Amino acid sequence: MSGFWSDIKSTFKGPEMDETTKAVMDIENKKHTITQASLGEQNMNRTRINELFREVGEAVYAMHNEGNVDISKVADKFEAVKEQNRQLEDKQTKLQEILDRYDEELLILRPPPPEGQVFCPGCGSPYILGQTQFCGGCGYRVPDTPPPAGTTCPGCNFMLAPGAAFCPGCGYKVS
């Protein structure tokens, strides 16, 4: 997927991207790359956990068929599952910490909008609540009250469609 951002950069037909846009794209690319790598590692832990559960099941079934189920004989497998779960939780925590740091960098590059600023549901142009009745970008009659909670992007306040997974204004993952 990192090729996607390279394709975007190479096919960009407008004026040169400013340094802020380049920095934002770089951070988003790093977030994507680290997330994919971490998810791959987490999947290896999950696969190992499933293997261990299969091994426990087979061992207990064999003991049951012999008429002597002794759980202590598979205690090492239980400990291995605990260790894999601990590693998995550590990887998830580390990933979240890294993503949080990148999000802090993005907030510096893209500060939150001014108080009262929302975005036109018709075209996404910004406007200040109560200061206009129509969008300056498309002429859409804009609401004079804020949208219900949860219907705007927490990253840029862009109006979200119901069930949207990503913001169409800034690409923020909203669900």
N, C-alpha and C. Protein backbone atom coordinates (compact mmCIF):
# COMPACT_ATOMS: atom_id res chain seq x y z
N MET A 1 0.82 -1.20 0.00
CA MET A 1 0.00 0.00 0.00
C MET A 1 0.86 1.26 0.00
N SER A 2 2.12 1.14 0.40
CA SER A 2 2.97 2.32 0.38
C SER A 2 3.14 2.83 -1.04
N GLY A 3 3.01 1.95 -2.05
CA GLY A 3 3.06 2.36 -3.43
C GLY A 3 1.93 3.31 -3.79
N PHE A 4 0.82 3.19 -3.09
CA PHE A 4 -0.32 4.08 -3.32
C PHE A 4 0.09 5.53 -3.15
N TRP A 5 0.78 5.83 -2.04
CA TRP A 5 1.18 7.23 -1.80
C TRP A 5 2.20 7.68 -2.83
N SER A 6 3.07 6.79 -3.25
CA SER A 6 4.04 7.14 -4.29
C SER A 6 3.32 7.46 -5.60
N ASP A 7 2.28 6.66 -5.91
CA ASP A 7 1.49 6.92 -7.12
C ASP A 7 0.79 8.26 -7.03
N ILE A 8 0.26 8.58 -5.85
CA ILE A 8 -0.41 9.87 -5.66
C ILE A 8 0.58 11.00 -5.91
N LYS A 9 1.76 10.88 -5.31
CA LYS A 9 2.78 11.93 -5.48
C LYS A 9 3.19 12.08 -6.94
N SER A 10 3.39 10.94 -7.63
CA SER A 10 3.90 11.01 -8.99
C SER A 10 2.84 11.46 -9.99
N THR A 11 1.56 11.27 -9.68
CA THR A 11 0.52 11.66 -10.63
C THR A 11 -0.16 12.97 -10.26
N PHE A 12 0.33 13.62 -9.22
CA PHE A 12 -0.26 14.87 -8.79
C PHE A 12 -0.11 15.91 -9.90
N LYS A 13 -1.23 16.46 -10.38
CA LYS A 13 -1.21 17.34 -11.55
C LYS A 13 -1.30 18.82 -11.19
N GLY A 14 -1.59 19.16 -9.98
CA GLY A 14 -1.73 20.55 -9.59
C GLY A 14 -0.39 21.17 -9.27
N PRO A 15 -0.40 22.32 -8.60
CA PRO A 15 0.85 22.94 -8.20
C PRO A 15 1.58 22.03 -7.21
N GLU A 16 2.88 22.25 -7.06
CA GLU A 16 3.66 21.45 -6.13
C GLU A 16 3.02 21.44 -4.75
N MET A 17 3.11 20.30 -4.09
CA MET A 17 2.58 20.20 -2.74
C MET A 17 3.44 21.03 -1.81
N ASP A 18 2.80 21.69 -0.87
CA ASP A 18 3.58 22.46 0.09
C ASP A 18 4.22 21.51 1.10
N GLU A 19 5.13 22.03 1.89
CA GLU A 19 5.89 21.19 2.83
C GLU A 19 4.98 20.55 3.87
N THR A 20 3.93 21.25 4.29
CA THR A 20 3.01 20.68 5.29
C THR A 20 2.30 19.47 4.71
N THR A 21 1.82 19.58 3.48
CA THR A 21 1.13 18.46 2.85
C THR A 21 2.07 17.28 2.70
N LYS A 22 3.31 17.54 2.30
CA LYS A 22 4.30 16.46 2.18
C LYS A 22 4.55 15.80 3.53
N ALA A 23 4.67 16.62 4.58
CA ALA A 23 4.91 16.08 5.92
C ALA A 23 3.73 15.24 6.40
N VAL A 24 2.51 15.71 6.13
CA VAL A 24 1.32 14.96 6.52
C VAL A 24 1.28 13.63 5.79
N MET A 25 1.54 13.65 4.48
CA MET A 25 1.54 12.41 3.71
C MET A 25 2.62 11.45 4.21
N ASP A 26 3.77 11.99 4.58
CA ASP A 26 4.86 11.16 5.10
C ASP A 26 4.44 10.49 6.41
N ILE A 27 3.82 11.25 7.30
CA ILE A 27 3.38 10.70 8.58
C ILE A 27 2.30 9.64 8.36
N GLU A 28 1.34 9.93 7.50
CA GLU A 28 0.28 8.96 7.22
C GLU A 28 0.86 7.68 6.64
N ASN A 29 1.86 7.81 5.77
CA ASN A 29 2.52 6.64 5.19
C ASN A 29 3.24 5.84 6.28
N LYS A 30 3.93 6.53 7.20
CA LYS A 30 4.61 5.84 8.30
C LYS A 30 3.60 5.11 9.18
N LYS A 31 2.46 5.77 9.47
CA LYS A 31 1.42 5.13 10.29
C LYS A 31 0.94 3.85 9.62
N HIS A 32 0.71 3.93 8.32
CA HIS A 32 0.23 2.77 7.59
C HIS A 32 1.26 1.64 7.62
N THR A 33 2.51 1.97 7.36
CA THR A 33 3.57 0.97 7.32
C THR A 33 3.75 0.29 8.67
N ILE A 34 3.81 1.08 9.74
CA ILE A 34 4.01 0.49 11.07
C ILE A 34 2.79 -0.32 11.49
N THR A 35 1.60 0.11 11.11
CA THR A 35 0.39 -0.64 11.44
C THR A 35 0.40 -1.99 10.74
N GLN A 36 0.73 -1.99 9.45
CA GLN A 36 0.75 -3.26 8.71
C GLN A 36 1.79 -4.22 9.29
N ALA A 37 2.97 -3.71 9.61
CA ALA A 37 4.02 -4.56 10.18
C ALA A 37 3.58 -5.13 11.53
N SER A 38 2.98 -4.28 12.36
CA SER A 38 2.54 -4.73 13.68
C SER A 38 1.42 -5.75 13.57
N LEU A 39 0.48 -5.51 12.66
CA LEU A 39 -0.62 -6.47 12.50
C LEU A 39 -0.09 -7.82 12.02
N GLY A 40 0.94 -7.81 11.18
CA GLY A 40 1.55 -9.07 10.76
C GLY A 40 2.15 -9.82 11.94
N GLU A 41 2.85 -9.08 12.81
CA GLU A 41 3.44 -9.71 14.00
C GLU A 41 2.35 -10.22 14.93
N GLN A 42 1.29 -9.43 15.10
CA GLN A 42 0.19 -9.85 15.97
C GLN A 42 -0.48 -11.11 15.43
N ASN A 43 -0.60 -11.20 14.12
CA ASN A 43 -1.21 -12.40 13.53
C ASN A 43 -0.35 -13.64 13.76
N MET A 44 0.96 -13.46 13.79
CA MET A 44 1.84 -14.61 14.10
C MET A 44 1.58 -15.09 15.52
N ASN A 45 1.39 -14.14 16.47
CA ASN A 45 1.07 -14.54 17.84
C ASN A 45 -0.27 -15.26 17.89
N ARG A 46 -1.26 -14.76 17.18
CA ARG A 46 -2.58 -15.41 17.18
C ARG A 46 -2.50 -16.81 16.58
N THR A 47 -1.72 -16.95 15.52
CA THR A 47 -1.55 -18.26 14.89
C THR A 47 -0.90 -19.24 15.88
N ARG A 48 0.11 -18.78 16.60
CA ARG A 48 0.78 -19.64 17.58
C ARG A 48 -0.18 -20.02 18.71
N ILE A 49 -1.01 -19.07 19.15
CA ILE A 49 -2.00 -19.37 20.19
C ILE A 49 -2.95 -20.46 19.70
N ASN A 50 -3.42 -20.34 18.46
CA ASN A 50 -4.32 -21.36 17.91
C ASN A 50 -3.63 -22.72 17.84
N GLU A 51 -2.35 -22.73 17.45
CA GLU A 51 -1.60 -23.99 17.41
C GLU A 51 -1.51 -24.61 18.81
N LEU A 52 -1.24 -23.77 19.81
CA LEU A 52 -1.13 -24.27 21.18
C LEU A 52 -2.46 -24.85 21.66
N PHE A 53 -3.57 -24.16 21.36
CA PHE A 53 -4.88 -24.68 21.76
C PHE A 53 -5.16 -26.01 21.07
N ARG A 54 -4.77 -26.14 19.81
CA ARG A 54 -4.96 -27.39 19.09
C ARG A 54 -4.14 -28.49 19.77
N GLU A 55 -2.89 -28.19 20.13
CA GLU A 55 -2.03 -29.16 20.79
C GLU A 55 -2.62 -29.59 22.14
N VAL A 56 -3.15 -28.62 22.89
CA VAL A 56 -3.77 -28.94 24.18
C VAL A 56 -4.97 -29.85 23.96
N GLY A 57 -5.79 -29.49 22.99
CA GLY A 57 -6.98 -30.29 22.71
C GLY A 57 -6.64 -31.71 22.32
N GLU A 58 -5.64 -31.86 21.45
CA GLU A 58 -5.23 -33.20 21.04
C GLU A 58 -4.69 -34.00 22.23
N ALA A 59 -3.88 -33.35 23.07
CA ALA A 59 -3.29 -34.05 24.22
C ALA A 59 -4.37 -34.47 25.21
N VAL A 60 -5.31 -33.57 25.50
CA VAL A 60 -6.38 -33.90 26.46
C VAL A 60 -7.27 -35.00 25.88
N TYR A 61 -7.55 -34.93 24.59
CA TYR A 61 -8.38 -35.96 23.96
C TYR A 61 -7.68 -37.33 24.04
N ALA A 62 -6.39 -37.34 23.78
CA ALA A 62 -5.63 -38.61 23.87
C ALA A 62 -5.65 -39.14 25.30
N MET A 63 -5.47 -38.25 26.28
CA MET A 63 -5.50 -38.68 27.68
C MET A 63 -6.89 -39.21 28.04
N HIS A 64 -7.93 -38.55 27.54
CA HIS A 64 -9.30 -38.99 27.81
C HIS A 64 -9.53 -40.39 27.26
N ASN A 65 -9.05 -40.64 26.05
CA ASN A 65 -9.20 -41.96 25.44
C ASN A 65 -8.46 -43.03 26.22
N GLU A 66 -7.38 -42.65 26.91
CA GLU A 66 -6.63 -43.59 27.74
C GLU A 66 -7.24 -43.71 29.13
N GLY A 67 -8.24 -42.87 29.42
CA GLY A 67 -8.92 -42.92 30.70
C GLY A 67 -8.20 -42.20 31.82
N ASN A 68 -7.23 -41.36 31.50
CA ASN A 68 -6.46 -40.68 32.53
C ASN A 68 -6.15 -39.26 32.08
N VAL A 69 -7.07 -38.34 32.38
CA VAL A 69 -6.86 -36.93 32.01
C VAL A 69 -6.07 -36.26 33.12
N ASP A 70 -4.86 -35.87 32.81
CA ASP A 70 -3.99 -35.20 33.76
C ASP A 70 -3.58 -33.84 33.15
N ILE A 71 -4.27 -32.79 33.57
CA ILE A 71 -4.06 -31.45 33.01
C ILE A 71 -2.63 -30.96 33.25
N SER A 72 -1.99 -31.44 34.30
CA SER A 72 -0.62 -30.99 34.57
C SER A 72 0.33 -31.34 33.42
N LYS A 73 -0.04 -32.35 32.61
CA LYS A 73 0.80 -32.74 31.48
C LYS A 73 0.79 -31.71 30.35
N VAL A 74 -0.19 -30.81 30.38
CA VAL A 74 -0.26 -29.76 29.34
C VAL A 74 -0.11 -28.36 29.95
N ALA A 75 0.33 -28.31 31.19
CA ALA A 75 0.49 -27.01 31.86
C ALA A 75 1.48 -26.12 31.13
N ASP A 76 2.52 -26.71 30.53
CA ASP A 76 3.48 -25.91 29.79
C ASP A 76 2.83 -25.23 28.59
N LYS A 77 1.84 -25.89 27.99
CA LYS A 77 1.12 -25.29 26.86
C LYS A 77 0.29 -24.09 27.34
N PHE A 78 -0.32 -24.22 28.52
CA PHE A 78 -1.10 -23.11 29.07
C PHE A 78 -0.20 -21.91 29.33
N GLU A 79 0.98 -22.18 29.85
CA GLU A 79 1.94 -21.09 30.10
C GLU A 79 2.38 -20.45 28.78
N ALA A 80 2.55 -21.26 27.76
CA ALA A 80 2.94 -20.73 26.45
C ALA A 80 1.83 -19.85 25.87
N VAL A 81 0.57 -20.24 26.10
CA VAL A 81 -0.56 -19.41 25.64
C VAL A 81 -0.54 -18.07 26.38
N LYS A 82 -0.32 -18.12 27.69
CA LYS A 82 -0.25 -16.87 28.47
C LYS A 82 0.86 -15.96 27.94
N GLU A 83 2.01 -16.54 27.63
CA GLU A 83 3.14 -15.76 27.12
C GLU A 83 2.80 -15.15 25.76
N GLN A 84 2.18 -15.93 24.89
CA GLN A 84 1.79 -15.40 23.57
C GLN A 84 0.76 -14.27 23.72
N ASN A 85 -0.19 -14.43 24.65
CA ASN A 85 -1.17 -13.36 24.89
C ASN A 85 -0.49 -12.11 25.44
N ARG A 86 0.50 -12.29 26.32
CA ARG A 86 1.22 -11.14 26.86
C ARG A 86 1.97 -10.41 25.74
N GLN A 87 2.63 -11.17 24.89
CA GLN A 87 3.35 -10.56 23.77
C GLN A 87 2.39 -9.83 22.84
N LEU A 88 1.24 -10.42 22.60
CA LEU A 88 0.23 -9.81 21.74
C LEU A 88 -0.24 -8.48 22.33
N GLU A 89 -0.55 -8.47 23.62
CA GLU A 89 -0.97 -7.24 24.28
C GLU A 89 0.12 -6.18 24.24
N ASP A 90 1.38 -6.59 24.45
CA ASP A 90 2.50 -5.65 24.38
C ASP A 90 2.60 -5.02 23.00
N LYS A 91 2.45 -5.83 21.96
CA LYS A 91 2.53 -5.31 20.59
C LYS A 91 1.38 -4.35 20.31
N GLN A 92 0.19 -4.66 20.80
CA GLN A 92 -0.96 -3.78 20.59
C GLN A 92 -0.74 -2.45 21.32
N THR A 93 -0.23 -2.51 22.54
CA THR A 93 0.03 -1.29 23.31
C THR A 93 1.11 -0.46 22.64
N LYS A 94 2.19 -1.10 22.21
CA LYS A 94 3.28 -0.38 21.55
C LYS A 94 2.79 0.29 20.27
N LEU A 95 2.00 -0.43 19.48
CA LEU A 95 1.46 0.15 18.25
C LEU A 95 0.60 1.38 18.56
N GLN A 96 -0.25 1.27 19.56
CA GLN A 96 -1.12 2.41 19.90
C GLN A 96 -0.30 3.60 20.35
N GLU A 97 0.77 3.36 21.13
CA GLU A 97 1.63 4.46 21.57
C GLU A 97 2.30 5.15 20.37
N ILE A 98 2.76 4.36 19.41
CA ILE A 98 3.38 4.93 18.22
C ILE A 98 2.37 5.73 17.41
N LEU A 99 1.19 5.16 17.22
CA LEU A 99 0.15 5.87 16.45
C LEU A 99 -0.27 7.16 17.16
N ASP A 100 -0.33 7.12 18.48
CA ASP A 100 -0.68 8.34 19.24
C ASP A 100 0.37 9.42 19.03
N ARG A 101 1.65 9.04 19.02
CA ARG A 101 2.72 10.03 18.78
C ARG A 101 2.59 10.63 17.38
N TYR A 102 2.31 9.78 16.39
CA TYR A 102 2.12 10.30 15.03
C TYR A 102 0.90 11.23 14.97
N ASP A 103 -0.17 10.87 15.68
CA ASP A 103 -1.36 11.73 15.69
C ASP A 103 -1.05 13.08 16.33
N GLU A 104 -0.19 13.09 17.36
CA GLU A 104 0.21 14.36 17.96
C GLU A 104 0.98 15.21 16.95
N GLU A 105 1.84 14.57 16.16
CA GLU A 105 2.56 15.30 15.11
C GLU A 105 1.59 15.87 14.08
N LEU A 106 0.58 15.08 13.73
CA LEU A 106 -0.40 15.55 12.76
C LEU A 106 -1.19 16.74 13.29
N LEU A 107 -1.49 16.73 14.59
CA LEU A 107 -2.21 17.87 15.18
C LEU A 107 -1.39 19.15 15.10
N ILE A 108 -0.07 19.01 15.20
CA ILE A 108 0.79 20.18 15.06
C ILE A 108 0.75 20.69 13.62
N LEU A 109 0.80 19.75 12.67
CA LEU A 109 0.79 20.12 11.26
C LEU A 109 -0.59 20.60 10.80
N ARG A 110 -1.63 19.94 11.34
CA ARG A 110 -3.01 20.31 10.98
C ARG A 110 -3.75 20.63 12.27
N PRO A 111 -3.59 21.87 12.76
CA PRO A 111 -4.27 22.20 14.02
C PRO A 111 -5.78 22.12 13.86
N PRO A 112 -6.49 21.93 14.98
CA PRO A 112 -7.94 21.85 14.90
C PRO A 112 -8.52 23.16 14.36
N PRO A 113 -9.70 23.09 13.76
CA PRO A 113 -10.30 24.30 13.20
C PRO A 113 -10.71 25.28 14.30
N PRO A 114 -10.94 26.54 13.92
CA PRO A 114 -11.40 27.52 14.90
C PRO A 114 -12.73 27.12 15.54
N GLU A 115 -12.97 27.63 16.73
CA GLU A 115 -14.21 27.36 17.46
C GLU A 115 -15.41 27.71 16.58
N GLY A 116 -16.36 26.80 16.49
CA GLY A 116 -17.58 27.05 15.73
C GLY A 116 -17.46 26.69 14.27
N GLN A 117 -16.26 26.35 13.80
CA GLN A 117 -16.11 26.02 12.39
C GLN A 117 -16.59 24.60 12.14
N VAL A 118 -17.43 24.47 11.15
CA VAL A 118 -17.90 23.16 10.68
C VAL A 118 -17.74 23.16 9.17
N PHE A 119 -18.12 22.06 8.54
CA PHE A 119 -17.93 21.94 7.11
C PHE A 119 -19.25 21.67 6.41
N CYS A 120 -19.41 22.29 5.27
CA CYS A 120 -20.61 22.17 4.46
C CYS A 120 -20.88 20.70 4.13
N PRO A 121 -22.10 20.23 4.37
CA PRO A 121 -22.42 18.85 3.99
C PRO A 121 -22.49 18.66 2.48
N GLY A 122 -22.59 19.76 1.73
CA GLY A 122 -22.67 19.66 0.28
C GLY A 122 -21.32 19.51 -0.39
N CYS A 123 -20.32 20.31 0.05
CA CYS A 123 -19.02 20.29 -0.64
C CYS A 123 -17.83 20.21 0.30
N GLY A 124 -18.05 20.37 1.59
CA GLY A 124 -16.94 20.28 2.54
C GLY A 124 -16.24 21.58 2.84
N SER A 125 -16.71 22.69 2.26
CA SER A 125 -16.09 23.98 2.54
C SER A 125 -16.34 24.39 3.99
N PRO A 126 -15.35 25.02 4.62
CA PRO A 126 -15.54 25.42 6.02
C PRO A 126 -16.41 26.67 6.13
N TYR A 127 -17.14 26.75 7.23
CA TYR A 127 -17.89 27.96 7.57
C TYR A 127 -18.06 28.00 9.08
N ILE A 128 -18.34 29.18 9.60
CA ILE A 128 -18.54 29.36 11.04
C ILE A 128 -20.05 29.36 11.31
N LEU A 129 -20.45 28.51 12.25
CA LEU A 129 -21.87 28.43 12.59
C LEU A 129 -22.42 29.80 12.96
N GLY A 130 -23.61 30.10 12.44
CA GLY A 130 -24.30 31.34 12.79
C GLY A 130 -23.84 32.56 12.00
N GLN A 131 -22.79 32.43 11.18
CA GLN A 131 -22.30 33.58 10.43
C GLN A 131 -22.75 33.59 8.98
N THR A 132 -23.36 32.51 8.52
CA THR A 132 -23.83 32.45 7.14
C THR A 132 -24.99 31.48 7.03
N GLN A 133 -25.81 31.68 6.00
CA GLN A 133 -26.92 30.76 5.76
C GLN A 133 -26.65 29.85 4.57
N PHE A 134 -25.72 30.28 3.70
CA PHE A 134 -25.42 29.51 2.51
C PHE A 134 -23.92 29.31 2.39
N CYS A 135 -23.54 28.14 1.85
CA CYS A 135 -22.12 27.82 1.67
C CYS A 135 -21.52 28.70 0.59
N GLY A 136 -20.36 29.26 0.88
CA GLY A 136 -19.65 30.06 -0.11
C GLY A 136 -19.04 29.22 -1.21
N GLY A 137 -18.91 27.92 -0.99
CA GLY A 137 -18.30 27.04 -1.99
C GLY A 137 -19.28 26.47 -2.99
N CYS A 138 -20.52 26.16 -2.54
CA CYS A 138 -21.46 25.50 -3.45
C CYS A 138 -22.87 26.08 -3.38
N GLY A 139 -23.13 26.99 -2.45
CA GLY A 139 -24.46 27.57 -2.33
C GLY A 139 -25.45 26.76 -1.52
N TYR A 140 -25.00 25.65 -0.97
CA TYR A 140 -25.86 24.78 -0.15
C TYR A 140 -26.35 25.56 1.06
N ARG A 141 -27.62 25.42 1.40
CA ARG A 141 -28.14 26.07 2.62
C ARG A 141 -27.59 25.29 3.81
N VAL A 142 -26.73 25.95 4.56
CA VAL A 142 -26.04 25.26 5.66
C VAL A 142 -26.84 25.35 6.95
N PRO A 143 -26.74 24.33 7.78
CA PRO A 143 -27.45 24.37 9.06
C PRO A 143 -26.85 25.45 9.97
N ASP A 144 -27.70 26.04 10.79
CA ASP A 144 -27.20 27.07 11.71
C ASP A 144 -26.96 26.53 13.11
N THR A 145 -27.09 25.22 13.26
CA THR A 145 -26.77 24.57 14.53
C THR A 145 -25.76 23.47 14.26
N PRO A 146 -24.94 23.14 15.24
CA PRO A 146 -23.94 22.10 15.00
C PRO A 146 -24.61 20.76 14.71
N PRO A 147 -23.95 19.93 13.92
CA PRO A 147 -24.50 18.60 13.66
C PRO A 147 -24.51 17.77 14.93
N PRO A 148 -25.34 16.73 14.98
CA PRO A 148 -25.37 15.87 16.17
C PRO A 148 -23.98 15.28 16.46
N ALA A 149 -23.71 15.03 17.72
CA ALA A 149 -22.42 14.47 18.12
C ALA A 149 -22.16 13.17 17.37
N GLY A 150 -20.92 13.02 16.96
CA GLY A 150 -20.52 11.79 16.29
C GLY A 150 -20.72 11.81 14.79
N THR A 151 -21.26 12.88 14.22
CA THR A 151 -21.48 12.91 12.77
C THR A 151 -20.42 13.74 12.06
N THR A 152 -19.45 14.24 12.80
CA THR A 152 -18.35 14.96 12.18
C THR A 152 -17.04 14.30 12.56
N CYS A 153 -16.05 14.45 11.70
CA CYS A 153 -14.74 13.86 11.92
C CYS A 153 -14.06 14.51 13.12
N PRO A 154 -13.51 13.72 14.04
CA PRO A 154 -12.80 14.30 15.17
C PRO A 154 -11.47 14.95 14.75
N GLY A 155 -10.98 14.62 13.55
CA GLY A 155 -9.73 15.20 13.08
C GLY A 155 -9.89 16.54 12.42
N CYS A 156 -10.99 16.71 11.64
CA CYS A 156 -11.13 17.96 10.88
C CYS A 156 -12.54 18.54 10.90
N ASN A 157 -13.47 17.90 11.57
CA ASN A 157 -14.87 18.33 11.67
C ASN A 157 -15.65 18.22 10.37
N PHE A 158 -15.14 17.48 9.41
CA PHE A 158 -15.85 17.27 8.14
C PHE A 158 -17.11 16.46 8.42
N MET A 159 -18.20 16.78 7.76
CA MET A 159 -19.46 16.05 7.92
C MET A 159 -19.28 14.62 7.40
N LEU A 160 -19.64 13.65 8.24
CA LEU A 160 -19.48 12.24 7.87
C LEU A 160 -20.81 11.65 7.44
N ALA A 161 -20.75 10.77 6.47
CA ALA A 161 -21.93 10.01 6.08
C ALA A 161 -22.19 8.95 7.15
N PRO A 162 -23.44 8.56 7.36
CA PRO A 162 -23.72 7.51 8.34
C PRO A 162 -22.94 6.25 8.02
N GLY A 163 -22.27 5.69 9.02
CA GLY A 163 -21.52 4.46 8.87
C GLY A 163 -20.16 4.60 8.21
N ALA A 164 -19.71 5.84 7.97
CA ALA A 164 -18.42 6.04 7.33
C ALA A 164 -17.30 5.48 8.19
N ALA A 165 -16.35 4.81 7.56
CA ALA A 165 -15.19 4.28 8.27
C ALA A 165 -14.03 5.27 8.26
N PHE A 166 -13.97 6.08 7.20
CA PHE A 166 -12.91 7.07 7.05
C PHE A 166 -13.52 8.42 6.68
N CYS A 167 -12.87 9.48 7.12
CA CYS A 167 -13.32 10.83 6.81
C CYS A 167 -12.99 11.15 5.35
N PRO A 168 -13.96 11.65 4.57
CA PRO A 168 -13.65 12.04 3.20
C PRO A 168 -12.87 13.35 3.13
N GLY A 169 -12.81 14.08 4.24
CA GLY A 169 -12.08 15.35 4.23
C GLY A 169 -10.60 15.22 4.50
N CYS A 170 -10.23 14.30 5.40
CA CYS A 170 -8.81 14.21 5.78
C CYS A 170 -8.30 12.78 5.82
N GLY A 171 -9.18 11.78 5.66
CA GLY A 171 -8.75 10.39 5.68
C GLY A 171 -8.66 9.76 7.06
N TYR A 172 -9.03 10.51 8.10
CA TYR A 172 -8.97 10.01 9.48
C TYR A 172 -9.84 8.76 9.62
N LYS A 173 -9.33 7.74 10.30
CA LYS A 173 -10.13 6.54 10.53
C LYS A 173 -11.08 6.84 11.69
N VAL A 174 -12.40 6.81 11.41
CA VAL A 174 -13.39 7.20 12.42
C VAL A 174 -14.07 6.01 13.06
N SER A 175 -13.87 4.80 12.55
CA SER A 175 -14.48 3.64 13.20
C SER A 175 -13.59 2.45 13.12
